Amino acid sequence: MENLIEVLEECNIDENKPIDVFIAVFLAFGILISYLPQHYKIISTKSSEGISPLFLLLGAVSMTCSYFNILILQFVQFGCCINTYSAGYCFENVLGIIQLTIQWACFTMILILFISYFPEYEKTIPNISLGSGYNSLTATIYSPEWLYSLQVAGAVGVHFIFTLIVSAYLLIFIGGAENKTTRYWADLLGVISLILASVQYLPQIWKTWRRKSVGALSIQMMLLQTPGSFLFAYSLASSKGTRWSTWIVFLITGCLQGTLLVMCICWHYREKREKLLDENLIIGPDGNLVPDEHTRLLGSQTDGRS
C-alpha cells in the first residue's frame, strides 16, 4: 500500500499539445459513433447471422487485455487527478483510458447483441433417435453453434473477472507501473492483446468468404473504424505512460479490418447486382427466363437461371 501512495505522489504536470488533445477527444467520440451502425443493424434486423463467435471471443479478450494494460500503465494519473492536476489536466491525461473504456464497452455490446439476437432457427437441431415412426423425431436439442456461442460469452466473462482481480491486487498490494512485477503483467496483457488482435479478424474474414455474404456485419462501422484505428494508434502512442504494447494492437487491427471491409464491399455490390437481375427477369410460358424491356444487357445474358 505504501508503494501505491508513493507512486500517486509522482506527478509531472506537462502541458499536452493541443493537436494531440483534439485528436484524442475526436477519437473518443468517433469510437462511440463508429460502433452505433453495427449495434443498430443487429437490432433493426433482429439477427446476428454471419458474425463469427470466434471473432467476438478473440476481440473481447483482446480488448480486455488492452484495456487493463493502459489502466495499469496510467493508473498514476488517477492519483494525480486527486492530488495535483486541475480538472482540465486530469481530463487530458486520462483520455487514453476514456478511449479504451468506450471501445471495450461498445465491443462488449456487440457480443451481448450477438447472443440476444442469435437466429432462432440456428439455435436448435432435430434430435434424431434410433427409434422408428413418430418417436424417431422426439424433440430438438441445442445446435453446436449456439452452445459454442454461449461458451464464448461465458469465457469472456470469466476472463474479465480474472484480469480484474489480478490487476487490482498488483496495483494495491505490489505497486504501480514502476514495479517490475506489475509492469511485466501490463506488458503481458499488451502482448496477449497484440497476438489476439493479429488473428482476431481471420475467423470473420474466413466466415464471410465462405458465406459470400455481408450478413449482420455493418459496412458503415468498418468505413469509420478502419481509418480511425490508425489515428487511435497514434493517439495512444502520444499519451503519457503508454508503451508500444498499448498502441501497436490497433495498428494491426486496422490493417485486418481494412481487408474485411474490402471483402464486404465486394459482396454487398454483388448482392445488389443479383437482386437487380432477379427483379428484372420474367419467366416465360416455356419456363425459361426472358428479359423485359428494362433488363440490362448483363441480365439478358443470364441464361438458365431459375
Protein backbone atom coordinates (compact mmCIF):
# COMPACT_ATOMS: atom_id res chain seq x y z
CA MET A 1 0.00 0.00 0.00
CA GLU A 2 2.92 2.36 0.72
CA ASN A 3 4.26 1.73 -2.78
CA LEU A 4 0.95 2.80 -4.24
CA ILE A 5 0.93 6.05 -2.23
CA GLU A 6 4.47 6.86 -3.35
CA VAL A 7 3.55 6.33 -6.97
CA LEU A 8 0.50 8.54 -6.74
CA GLU A 9 2.69 11.39 -5.44
CA GLU A 10 4.97 11.28 -8.52
CA CYS A 11 3.05 13.57 -10.85
CA ASN A 12 4.55 15.60 -13.64
CA ILE A 13 2.49 18.49 -14.93
CA ASP A 14 3.40 18.78 -18.60
CA GLU A 15 1.10 20.64 -20.94
CA ASN A 16 -0.23 18.42 -23.70
CA LYS A 17 -0.09 19.55 -27.30
CA PRO A 18 -3.45 20.99 -28.39
CA ILE A 19 -3.42 18.90 -31.55
CA ASP A 20 -2.93 15.70 -29.53
CA VAL A 21 -5.78 16.62 -27.18
CA PHE A 22 -8.06 17.44 -30.13
CA ILE A 23 -7.27 14.13 -31.84
CA ALA A 24 -7.86 12.20 -28.61
CA VAL A 25 -11.24 13.86 -27.98
CA PHE A 26 -12.22 13.44 -31.63
CA LEU A 27 -11.35 9.74 -31.47
CA ALA A 28 -13.30 9.23 -28.24
CA PHE A 29 -16.46 10.49 -29.93
CA GLY A 30 -15.52 8.71 -33.15
CA ILE A 31 -15.16 5.36 -31.41
CA LEU A 32 -18.63 5.64 -29.92
CA ILE A 33 -20.24 6.78 -33.17
CA SER A 34 -18.44 4.14 -35.25
CA TYR A 35 -19.95 1.26 -33.28
CA LEU A 36 -23.52 2.56 -33.44
CA PRO A 37 -24.18 1.36 -37.04
CA GLN A 38 -23.25 -2.20 -36.02
CA HIS A 39 -25.46 -2.07 -32.94
CA TYR A 40 -28.31 -0.58 -34.99
CA LYS A 41 -28.04 -3.17 -37.77
CA ILE A 42 -28.27 -6.11 -35.40
CA ILE A 43 -31.19 -4.57 -33.51
CA SER A 44 -33.08 -3.41 -36.62
CA THR A 45 -32.71 -6.72 -38.47
CA LYS A 46 -33.18 -8.70 -35.25
CA SER A 47 -30.44 -11.03 -36.41
CA SER A 48 -26.72 -11.52 -35.77
CA GLU A 49 -26.35 -14.02 -38.61
CA GLY A 50 -22.96 -14.03 -40.29
CA ILE A 51 -20.95 -12.84 -37.29
CA SER A 52 -18.30 -15.29 -36.15
CA PRO A 53 -18.38 -16.17 -32.43
CA LEU A 54 -14.65 -16.87 -32.54
CA PHE A 55 -14.10 -13.35 -33.88
CA LEU A 56 -16.06 -12.00 -30.90
CA LEU A 57 -14.11 -14.17 -28.45
CA LEU A 58 -10.71 -13.06 -29.73
CA GLY A 59 -11.84 -9.44 -29.96
CA ALA A 60 -13.37 -9.28 -26.48
CA VAL A 61 -10.36 -10.91 -24.79
CA SER A 62 -8.00 -8.67 -26.77
CA MET A 63 -9.99 -5.56 -25.81
CA THR A 64 -9.99 -6.57 -22.13
CA CYS A 65 -6.23 -7.13 -22.11
CA SER A 66 -5.59 -3.82 -23.87
CA TYR A 67 -7.96 -2.02 -21.51
CA PHE A 68 -6.24 -3.26 -18.35
CA ASN A 69 -2.86 -2.65 -19.94
CA ILE A 70 -3.49 1.08 -20.16
CA LEU A 71 -5.28 1.15 -16.78
CA ILE A 72 -2.15 -0.21 -15.10
CA LEU A 73 0.32 1.93 -17.04
CA GLN A 74 -1.66 5.13 -16.46
CA PHE A 75 -3.05 4.33 -13.03
CA VAL A 76 -0.86 7.01 -11.51
CA GLN A 77 -2.91 9.59 -13.42
CA PHE A 78 -5.92 8.90 -11.19
CA GLY A 79 -3.94 9.84 -8.10
CA CYS A 80 -2.58 12.90 -9.87
CA CYS A 81 -6.13 13.97 -10.68
CA ILE A 82 -6.91 14.00 -6.97
CA ASN A 83 -3.68 15.47 -5.62
CA THR A 84 -2.11 17.63 -8.33
CA TYR A 85 -3.93 18.06 -11.62
CA SER A 86 -6.67 20.53 -12.31
CA ALA A 87 -9.84 19.26 -13.96
CA GLY A 88 -8.51 20.21 -17.38
CA TYR A 89 -5.16 18.48 -16.94
CA CYS A 90 -6.88 15.47 -15.43
CA PHE A 91 -9.18 15.13 -18.43
CA GLU A 92 -6.28 15.46 -20.87
CA ASN A 93 -4.17 12.84 -19.13
CA VAL A 94 -6.85 10.15 -18.85
CA LEU A 95 -8.12 10.49 -22.42
CA GLY A 96 -6.39 7.24 -23.39
CA ILE A 97 -8.27 5.41 -20.65
CA ILE A 98 -11.54 7.05 -21.69
CA GLN A 99 -11.00 5.95 -25.29
CA LEU A 100 -10.36 2.33 -24.39
CA THR A 101 -13.25 2.31 -21.92
CA ILE A 102 -15.62 3.35 -24.71
CA GLN A 103 -14.13 0.85 -27.15
CA TRP A 104 -14.28 -2.04 -24.68
CA ALA A 105 -17.89 -1.24 -23.75
CA CYS A 106 -19.00 -0.91 -27.38
CA PHE A 107 -17.37 -4.15 -28.48
CA THR A 108 -18.80 -5.98 -25.49
CA MET A 109 -22.22 -4.68 -26.53
CA ILE A 110 -21.78 -6.39 -29.91
CA LEU A 111 -21.24 -9.68 -28.08
CA ILE A 112 -24.35 -9.09 -25.97
CA LEU A 113 -26.43 -8.29 -29.06
CA PHE A 114 -24.97 -11.31 -30.86
CA ILE A 115 -26.29 -13.60 -28.13
CA SER A 116 -29.59 -11.72 -27.77
CA TYR A 117 -30.39 -11.77 -31.50
CA PHE A 118 -28.91 -15.13 -32.39
CA PRO A 119 -31.15 -16.58 -35.17
CA GLU A 120 -33.80 -18.78 -33.61
CA TYR A 121 -33.71 -21.33 -36.44
CA GLU A 122 -30.00 -21.88 -35.78
CA LYS A 123 -30.36 -22.45 -32.04
CA THR A 124 -31.79 -25.96 -32.27
CA ILE A 125 -31.48 -29.05 -34.44
CA PRO A 126 -33.70 -32.16 -34.60
CA ASN A 127 -32.88 -34.82 -32.05
CA ILE A 128 -32.91 -37.98 -34.15
CA SER A 129 -33.23 -41.17 -32.12
CA LEU A 130 -32.79 -44.79 -33.20
CA GLY A 131 -36.50 -45.47 -32.98
CA SER A 132 -39.00 -45.64 -35.82
CA GLY A 133 -42.18 -43.85 -36.77
CA TYR A 134 -43.32 -40.90 -34.71
CA ASN A 135 -40.76 -41.47 -31.95
CA SER A 136 -37.85 -41.19 -34.37
CA LEU A 137 -38.03 -37.37 -34.02
CA THR A 138 -38.77 -36.92 -30.36
CA ALA A 139 -37.50 -33.40 -29.72
CA THR A 140 -34.93 -30.80 -30.60
CA ILE A 141 -31.58 -30.07 -28.99
CA TYR A 142 -29.35 -27.02 -28.97
CA SER A 143 -27.17 -26.70 -32.03
CA PRO A 144 -23.35 -26.88 -31.66
CA GLU A 145 -23.01 -23.28 -32.90
CA TRP A 146 -25.45 -21.95 -30.28
CA LEU A 147 -23.72 -23.90 -27.50
CA TYR A 148 -20.36 -22.62 -28.72
CA SER A 149 -21.68 -19.04 -28.69
CA LEU A 150 -22.81 -19.44 -25.08
CA GLN A 151 -19.39 -20.83 -24.16
CA VAL A 152 -17.78 -17.81 -25.82
CA ALA A 153 -19.89 -15.43 -23.72
CA GLY A 154 -19.01 -17.34 -20.55
CA ALA A 155 -15.29 -17.39 -21.36
CA VAL A 156 -15.28 -13.63 -21.97
CA GLY A 157 -16.93 -13.03 -18.59
CA VAL A 158 -14.52 -15.32 -16.70
CA HIS A 159 -11.51 -13.74 -18.39
CA PHE A 160 -12.64 -10.23 -17.47
CA ILE A 161 -13.14 -11.13 -13.80
CA PHE A 162 -9.76 -12.91 -13.61
CA THR A 163 -7.91 -9.98 -15.22
CA LEU A 164 -9.68 -7.50 -12.94
CA ILE A 165 -8.75 -9.41 -9.78
CA VAL A 166 -5.07 -9.87 -10.71
CA SER A 167 -4.66 -6.25 -11.85
CA ALA A 168 -6.33 -4.83 -8.73
CA TYR A 169 -4.17 -7.00 -6.46
CA LEU A 170 -0.95 -5.88 -8.14
CA LEU A 171 -1.86 -2.18 -8.08
CA ILE A 172 -3.00 -2.16 -4.47
CA PHE A 173 -0.55 -4.52 -2.76
CA ILE A 174 2.51 -4.73 -5.05
CA GLY A 175 2.83 -1.33 -6.70
CA GLY A 176 2.12 0.62 -9.84
CA ALA A 177 3.80 0.50 -13.23
CA GLU A 178 7.20 1.36 -11.72
CA ASN A 179 7.20 -2.08 -10.05
CA LYS A 180 8.72 -4.80 -12.23
CA THR A 181 6.06 -7.38 -11.46
CA THR A 182 3.21 -5.02 -12.26
CA ARG A 183 4.95 -3.72 -15.36
CA TYR A 184 5.57 -7.27 -16.61
CA TRP A 185 1.89 -8.07 -16.08
CA ALA A 186 0.89 -4.97 -18.04
CA ASP A 187 3.27 -5.91 -20.85
CA LEU A 188 1.97 -9.47 -20.81
CA LEU A 189 -1.56 -8.16 -21.25
CA GLY A 190 -0.35 -5.98 -24.10
CA VAL A 191 1.39 -8.89 -25.81
CA ILE A 192 -1.67 -11.14 -25.43
CA SER A 193 -3.83 -8.36 -26.84
CA LEU A 194 -1.40 -7.96 -29.73
CA ILE A 195 -1.39 -11.67 -30.56
CA LEU A 196 -5.17 -11.98 -30.41
CA ALA A 197 -5.69 -8.76 -32.39
CA SER A 198 -3.33 -10.11 -35.03
CA VAL A 199 -5.65 -13.07 -35.67
CA GLN A 200 -8.95 -11.58 -34.46
CA TYR A 201 -10.36 -10.81 -37.89
CA LEU A 202 -9.19 -14.03 -39.53
CA PRO A 203 -12.20 -16.13 -38.38
CA GLN A 204 -14.58 -13.38 -39.52
CA ILE A 205 -12.77 -12.98 -42.84
CA TRP A 206 -12.94 -16.74 -43.39
CA LYS A 207 -16.63 -16.97 -42.46
CA THR A 208 -17.56 -14.00 -44.65
CA TRP A 209 -15.60 -15.50 -47.53
CA ARG A 210 -17.36 -18.86 -47.19
CA ARG A 211 -20.82 -17.31 -46.88
CA LYS A 212 -20.20 -14.89 -49.77
CA SER A 213 -22.47 -12.51 -47.87
CA VAL A 214 -22.16 -9.49 -45.59
CA GLY A 215 -24.75 -10.82 -43.15
CA ALA A 216 -25.14 -8.76 -39.98
CA LEU A 217 -21.80 -7.01 -40.39
CA SER A 218 -22.01 -3.24 -40.77
CA ILE A 219 -20.01 -1.75 -43.64
CA GLN A 220 -20.64 1.73 -42.23
CA MET A 221 -18.94 0.74 -38.98
CA MET A 222 -15.87 -0.55 -40.78
CA LEU A 223 -15.70 2.53 -43.00
CA LEU A 224 -15.42 4.63 -39.86
CA GLN A 225 -13.19 2.32 -37.85
CA THR A 226 -10.57 1.35 -40.41
CA PRO A 227 -9.02 4.84 -40.75
CA GLY A 228 -9.86 5.50 -37.10
CA SER A 229 -7.69 2.58 -35.99
CA PHE A 230 -4.59 4.27 -37.38
CA LEU A 231 -5.46 7.60 -35.73
CA PHE A 232 -6.23 5.75 -32.50
CA ALA A 233 -2.82 4.07 -32.54
CA TYR A 234 -1.14 7.46 -32.95
CA SER A 235 -3.23 8.98 -30.15
CA LEU A 236 -2.35 6.20 -27.70
CA ALA A 237 1.33 6.33 -28.67
CA SER A 238 1.40 10.03 -27.79
CA SER A 239 -0.30 9.52 -24.39
CA LYS A 240 1.79 9.70 -21.23
CA GLY A 241 2.94 6.45 -19.72
CA THR A 242 1.93 4.17 -22.59
CA ARG A 243 4.29 1.70 -24.25
CA TRP A 244 4.44 0.07 -27.68
CA SER A 245 2.36 -2.81 -26.32
CA THR A 246 -0.60 -0.42 -25.94
CA TRP A 247 -0.88 1.12 -29.40
CA ILE A 248 0.52 -1.48 -31.82
CA VAL A 249 -2.61 -3.59 -31.30
CA PHE A 250 -4.76 -1.04 -33.09
CA LEU A 251 -2.29 -0.61 -35.93
CA ILE A 252 -2.55 -4.30 -36.81
CA THR A 253 -6.31 -4.32 -36.23
CA GLY A 254 -6.76 -1.50 -38.73
CA CYS A 255 -4.95 -3.48 -41.43
CA LEU A 256 -7.04 -6.61 -40.87
CA GLN A 257 -10.30 -4.69 -40.63
CA GLY A 258 -9.47 -2.97 -43.89
CA THR A 259 -9.19 -6.39 -45.53
CA LEU A 260 -12.61 -7.40 -44.21
CA LEU A 261 -14.06 -4.07 -45.33
CA VAL A 262 -12.92 -4.56 -48.94
CA MET A 263 -14.39 -8.06 -48.93
CA CYS A 264 -17.75 -6.90 -47.54
CA ILE A 265 -18.00 -4.09 -50.09
CA CYS A 266 -17.44 -6.62 -52.89
CA TRP A 267 -20.14 -8.97 -51.55
CA HIS A 268 -22.51 -6.06 -50.94
CA TYR A 269 -22.42 -4.88 -54.55
CA ARG A 270 -22.60 -8.44 -55.77
CA GLU A 271 -25.80 -8.98 -53.76
CA LYS A 272 -27.27 -5.73 -55.08
CA ARG A 273 -26.48 -6.71 -58.66
CA GLU A 274 -28.04 -10.17 -58.26
CA LYS A 275 -31.13 -8.67 -56.65
CA LEU A 276 -31.50 -6.22 -59.52
CA LEU A 277 -31.21 -9.01 -62.07
CA ASP A 278 -33.80 -11.12 -60.23
CA GLU A 279 -36.23 -8.21 -60.21
CA ASN A 280 -35.83 -7.60 -63.98
CA LEU A 281 -36.18 -11.20 -65.15
CA ILE A 282 -39.53 -12.67 -66.22
CA ILE A 283 -40.42 -16.34 -66.53
CA GLY A 284 -41.85 -17.12 -69.98
CA PRO A 285 -44.57 -19.66 -70.89
CA ASP A 286 -41.94 -22.30 -71.58
CA GLY A 287 -40.49 -21.94 -68.09
CA ASN A 288 -37.36 -20.13 -69.24
CA LEU A 289 -36.29 -16.74 -68.00
CA VAL A 290 -36.59 -13.92 -70.52
CA PRO A 291 -35.55 -10.28 -70.11
CA ASP A 292 -38.09 -7.50 -70.25
CA GLU A 293 -37.56 -4.06 -71.78
CA HIS A 294 -35.98 -2.75 -68.56
CA THR A 295 -33.47 -5.56 -68.17
CA ARG A 296 -29.85 -4.62 -68.52
CA LEU A 297 -27.64 -6.29 -71.09
CA LEU A 298 -25.95 -8.25 -68.31
CA GLY A 299 -29.32 -9.60 -67.23
CA SER A 300 -30.23 -10.67 -70.78
CA GLN A 301 -27.11 -12.80 -70.90
CA THR A 302 -28.08 -14.73 -67.82
CA ASP A 303 -29.41 -18.00 -69.22
CA GLY A 304 -30.67 -20.99 -67.38
CA ARG A 305 -31.39 -19.20 -64.06
CA SER A 306 -34.36 -20.42 -62.08
